[in-house]
C-alpha atoms as a PDB file:
ATOM      1  CA  CYS A   1       0.009  -0.138  -0.080  1.00  0.00           C
ATOM      2  CA  ARG A   2       3.102   2.307  -0.092  1.00  0.00           C
ATOM      3  CA  ASP A   3       2.261   3.743  -3.467  1.00  0.00           C
ATOM      4  CA  ALA A   4      -1.481   4.521  -2.546  1.00  0.00           C
ATOM      5  CA  LEU A   5      -0.387   6.238   0.723  1.00  0.00           C
ATOM      6  CA  ASN A   6       2.542   8.152  -1.053  1.00  0.00           C
ATOM      7  CA  GLY A   7       0.109   9.817  -3.343  1.00  0.00           C
ATOM      8  CA  TYR A   8      -0.957  12.018  -0.449  1.00  0.00           C
ATOM      9  CA  GLN A   9       2.317  12.187   1.256  1.00  0.00           C
ATOM     10  CA  LYS A  10       4.417  13.049  -1.588  1.00  0.00           C
ATOM     11  CA  GLY A  11       7.502  11.295  -0.683  1.00  0.00           C
ATOM     12  CA  LYS A  12       7.519  12.591   2.869  1.00  0.00           C
ATOM     13  CA  CYS A  13       7.407  10.982   6.278  1.00  0.00           C
ATOM     14  CA  PHE A  14       3.950  11.444   7.860  1.00  0.00           C
ATOM     15  CA  TYR A  15       5.451  12.620  10.949  1.00  0.00           C
ATOM     16  CA  CYS A  16       8.646  14.676  10.488  1.00  0.00           C
ATOM     17  CA  PHE A  17       8.342  15.463   6.670  1.00  0.00           C
ATOM     18  CA  ASP A  18      11.483  14.046   5.977  1.00  0.00           C
ATOM     19  CA  ASP A  19      12.233  12.613   2.411  1.00  0.00           C
ATOM     20  CA  ILE A  20      11.271   8.911   2.087  1.00  0.00           C
ATOM     21  CA  SER A  21      10.928   6.481  -0.924  1.00  0.00           C
ATOM     22  CA  VAL A  22       8.658   3.744  -1.819  1.00  0.00           C
ATOM     23  CA  GLU A  23      11.087   2.078  -4.158  1.00  0.00           C
ATOM     24  CA  ALA A  24      11.828  -1.453  -2.649  1.00  0.00           C
ATOM     25  CA  THR A  25      15.610  -1.233  -3.007  1.00  0.00           C
ATOM     26  CA  ALA A  26      16.023   2.451  -1.644  1.00  0.00           C
ATOM     27  CA  ASP A  27      18.001   3.047   1.496  1.00  0.00           C
ATOM     28  CA  ASP A  28      15.338   5.408   2.753  1.00  0.00           C
ATOM     29  CA  LEU A  29      12.450   3.062   2.020  1.00  0.00           C
ATOM     30  CA  ALA A  30       9.346   4.014   3.979  1.00  0.00           C
ATOM     31  CA  ASP A  31       7.950   1.997   6.746  1.00  0.00           C
ATOM     32  CA  VAL A  32       4.193   1.458   6.769  1.00  0.00           C
ATOM     33  CA  ASP A  33       3.284   2.423  10.271  1.00  0.00           C
ATOM     34  CA  HIS A  34       0.110   1.894  12.200  1.00  0.00           C
ATOM     35  CA  PHE A  35      -0.672   5.388  13.717  1.00  0.00           C
ATOM     36  CA  PHE A  36      -2.510   3.530  16.549  1.00  0.00           C
ATOM     37  CA  PRO A  37      -0.066   0.695  17.453  1.00  0.00           C
ATOM     38  CA  HIS A  38      -0.595  -2.909  17.212  1.00  0.00           C
ATOM     39  CA  THR A  39      -0.121  -3.199  20.971  1.00  0.00           C
ATOM     40  CA  LEU A  40      -3.846  -2.080  21.396  1.00  0.00           C
ATOM     41  CA  LYS A  41      -5.198  -5.193  19.865  1.00  0.00           C
ATOM     42  CA  PRO A  42      -5.414  -7.182  22.948  1.00  0.00           C
ATOM     43  CA  HIS A  43      -7.450  -4.477  24.558  1.00  0.00           C
ATOM     44  CA  GLY A  44     -10.373  -4.664  22.222  1.00  0.00           C
ATOM     45  CA  ILE A  45      -9.457  -1.522  20.294  1.00  0.00           C
ATOM     46  CA  GLY A  46      -7.570  -3.520  17.612  1.00  0.00           C
ATOM     47  CA  ASP A  47     -10.310  -4.937  15.593  1.00  0.00           C
ATOM     48  CA  VAL A  48      -9.941  -2.066  13.184  1.00  0.00           C
ATOM     49  CA  ILE A  49      -6.253  -1.060  13.496  1.00  0.00           C
ATOM     50  CA  ASP A  50      -5.185  -2.832  10.398  1.00  0.00           C
ATOM     51  CA  GLY A  51      -7.346  -0.704   8.319  1.00  0.00           C
ATOM     52  CA  VAL A  52      -6.042   1.623   5.540  1.00  0.00           C
ATOM     53  CA  TRP A  53      -7.379   4.613   7.592  1.00  0.00           C
ATOM     54  CA  ASN A  54      -4.654   3.711  10.272  1.00  0.00           C
ATOM     55  CA  LEU A  55      -1.797   3.228   7.923  1.00  0.00           C
ATOM     56  CA  VAL A  56       0.761   6.030   7.257  1.00  0.00           C
ATOM     57  CA  LEU A  57       4.291   6.099   5.657  1.00  0.00           C
ATOM     58  CA  ALA A  58       7.008   6.984   8.219  1.00  0.00           C
ATOM     59  CA  CYS A  59      10.630   7.261   7.794  1.00  0.00           C
ATOM     60  CA  GLN A  60      12.762   4.515   9.548  1.00  0.00           C
ATOM     61  CA  THR A  61      13.897   7.101  12.023  1.00  0.00           C
ATOM     62  CA  CYS A  62      10.499   7.949  13.135  1.00  0.00           C
ATOM     63  CA  ASN A  63       9.130   4.583  13.025  1.00  0.00           C
ATOM     64  CA  ARG A  64      11.891   2.442  14.611  1.00  0.00           C
ATOM     65  CA  GLY A  65      14.903   4.785  15.331  1.00  0.00           C
ATOM     66  CA  THR A  66      16.559   5.327  18.750  1.00  0.00           C
ATOM     67  CA  LYS A  67      13.793   7.785  19.724  1.00  0.00           C
ATOM     68  CA  GLY A  68      11.235   6.353  17.194  1.00  0.00           C
ATOM     69  CA  LYS A  69       7.446   5.887  17.737  1.00  0.00           C
ATOM     70  CA  PHE A  70       7.478   2.127  18.082  1.00  0.00           C
ATOM     71  CA  THR A  71       4.425   1.315  20.218  1.00  0.00           C
ATOM     72  CA  GLN A  72       3.631   4.916  21.454  1.00  0.00           C
ATOM     73  CA  LEU A  73       0.767   7.090  20.483  1.00  0.00           C
ATOM     74  CA  PRO A  74       1.507  10.014  18.513  1.00  0.00           C
ATOM     75  CA  GLU A  75       0.651  13.431  20.045  1.00  0.00           C
ATOM     76  CA  LEU A  76      -2.770  14.871  19.511  1.00  0.00           C
ATOM     77  CA  THR A  77      -1.777  17.339  16.730  1.00  0.00           C
ATOM     78  CA  PHE A  78      -0.916  14.164  14.514  1.00  0.00           C
ATOM     79  CA  LEU A  79      -4.502  12.928  14.932  1.00  0.00           C
ATOM     80  CA  GLU A  80      -5.752  16.045  13.149  1.00  0.00           C
ATOM     81  CA  ARG A  81      -3.071  15.439  10.267  1.00  0.00           C
ATOM     82  CA  LEU A  82      -4.549  11.805   9.963  1.00  0.00           C
ATOM     83  CA  HIS A  83      -8.077  13.106   9.711  1.00  0.00           C
ATOM     84  CA  ARG A  84      -7.163  15.585   7.091  1.00  0.00           C
ATOM     85  CA  ARG A  85      -5.316  12.859   5.175  1.00  0.00           C
ATOM     86  CA  ASN A  86      -8.306  10.547   5.363  1.00  0.00           C
ATOM     87  CA  ASN A  87     -10.777  13.155   4.179  1.00  0.00           C
ATOM     88  CA  PHE A  88      -8.416  14.235   1.274  1.00  0.00           C
ATOM     89  CA  LEU A  89      -8.448  10.597   0.011  1.00  0.00           C
ATOM     90  CA  ILE A  90     -12.128  10.420   0.447  1.00  0.00           C
ATOM     91  CA  ASP A  91     -12.854  13.901  -1.157  1.00  0.00           C
ATOM     92  CA  SER A  92     -10.442  13.168  -4.060  1.00  0.00           C
ATOM     93  CA  HIS A  93     -12.392  10.136  -5.026  1.00  0.00           C
ATOM     94  CA  HIS A  94      -9.252   7.955  -4.369  1.00  0.00           C
ATOM     95  CA  PRO A  95      -9.649   4.233  -5.121  1.00  0.00           C
ATOM     96  CA  LEU A  96      -9.559   3.826  -1.359  1.00  0.00           C
ATOM     97  CA  ARG A  97     -12.461   6.175  -0.798  1.00  0.00           C
ATOM     98  CA  GLU A  98     -15.152   3.567  -0.076  1.00  0.00           C
ATOM     99  CA  THR A  99     -12.838   1.474   2.113  1.00  0.00           C
ATOM    100  CA  LEU A 100     -12.050   4.606   4.091  1.00  0.00           C
ATOM    101  CA  ILE A 101     -15.831   5.428   4.411  1.00  0.00           C
ATOM    102  CA  GLN A 102     -16.670   1.967   5.565  1.00  0.00           C
ATOM    103  CA  GLN A 103     -14.017   2.022   8.179  1.00  0.00           C
ATOM    104  CA  THR A 104     -14.233   5.384   9.629  1.00  0.00           C
ATOM    105  CA  GLY A 105     -17.754   6.881   8.914  1.00  0.00           C
ATOM    106  CA  ALA A 106     -20.090   8.260   6.210  1.00  0.00           C
ATOM    107  CA  ASP A 107     -19.551  11.910   6.823  1.00  0.00           C
ATOM    108  CA  GLU A 108     -16.839  14.250   8.172  1.00  0.00           C
ATOM    109  CA  LEU A 109     -18.322  14.489  11.617  1.00  0.00           C
ATOM    110  CA  ALA A 110     -18.690  10.718  11.956  1.00  0.00           C
ATOM    111  CA  ARG A 111     -14.915  10.256  10.922  1.00  0.00           C
ATOM    112  CA  ARG A 112     -13.862  12.967  13.300  1.00  0.00           C
ATOM    113  CA  GLN A 113     -15.801  11.284  16.092  1.00  0.00           C
ATOM    114  CA  PHE A 114     -14.452   7.952  15.222  1.00  0.00           C
ATOM    115  CA  LEU A 115     -10.709   9.188  15.383  1.00  0.00           C
ATOM    116  CA  GLN A 116     -11.272  11.074  18.775  1.00  0.00           C
ATOM    117  CA  THR A 117     -12.962   7.951  20.246  1.00  0.00           C
ATOM    118  CA  MET A 118      -9.952   5.717  19.197  1.00  0.00           C
ATOM    119  CA  TYR A 119      -7.574   8.387  20.426  1.00  0.00           C
ATOM    120  CA  HIS A 120      -9.089   8.821  23.829  1.00  0.00           C
ATOM    121  CA  GLN A 121      -9.480   4.981  24.333  1.00  0.00           C
ATOM    122  CA  SER A 122      -5.748   4.548  23.182  1.00  0.00           C
ATOM    123  CA  LYS A 123      -4.588   7.261  25.380  1.00  0.00           C
ATOM    124  CA  GLU A 124      -5.925   5.645  28.479  1.00  0.00           C
ATOM    125  CA  LEU A 125      -3.919   2.420  27.622  1.00  0.00           C
ATOM    126  CA  LEU A 126      -0.702   4.109  26.148  1.00  0.00           C
ATOM    127  CA  VAL A 127      -0.049   6.913  28.671  1.00  0.00           C
ATOM    128  CA  ARG A 128       2.878   8.450  26.953  1.00  0.00           C
ATOM    129  CA  ASN A 129       2.624  10.440  23.829  1.00  0.00           C
ATOM    130  CA  TRP A 130       5.313  10.540  21.020  1.00  0.00           C
ATOM    131  CA  LYS A 131       6.581  13.189  18.671  1.00  0.00           C
ATOM    132  CA  PRO A 132       9.591  13.306  16.390  1.00  0.00           C
ATOM    133  CA  GLU A 133      12.570  15.123  17.612  1.00  0.00           C
ATOM    134  CA  TYR A 134      12.610  17.287  14.613  1.00  0.00           C
ATOM    135  CA  GLU A 135       9.967  18.350  12.109  1.00  0.00           C
ATOM    136  CA  HIS A 136      10.784  19.757   8.559  1.00  0.00           C
ATOM    137  CA  GLU A 137       8.431  22.308   7.012  1.00  0.00           C
ATOM    138  CA  PRO A 138       5.044  20.760   6.416  1.00  0.00           C
ATOM    139  CA  ALA A 139       4.672  19.165   3.091  1.00  0.00           C
ATOM    140  CA  PHE A 140       0.827  18.361   3.201  1.00  0.00           C
END
């Protein structure tokens, strides 16, 4: 799904906006990251975690570097970025449009409420928040 996600991210990490690649042999190959981490699955939140709505491209440093995200929940500001990304794909009639609507809600308000509910439930379980050490100028 790297190619589909990259259409929105334009070769930039979702979190820090560093350059990433979707070419399989590239040194800076993007990781497909779960915004809400897999560690939430055993807590009943994970039924929908593998949905495309929750997948973003991240540079290797943000996803698994020494101070990477790993199993942490991104700061709240990144939730708005995820919401904007999902709505962009829906509004642009991207091939993932129907899947995103089915996974997150029929209208913008329902999708916002879905993400906020997921975030609040996750925050109770994953107490710490994560953000990258450095963020480049926003690219999307």
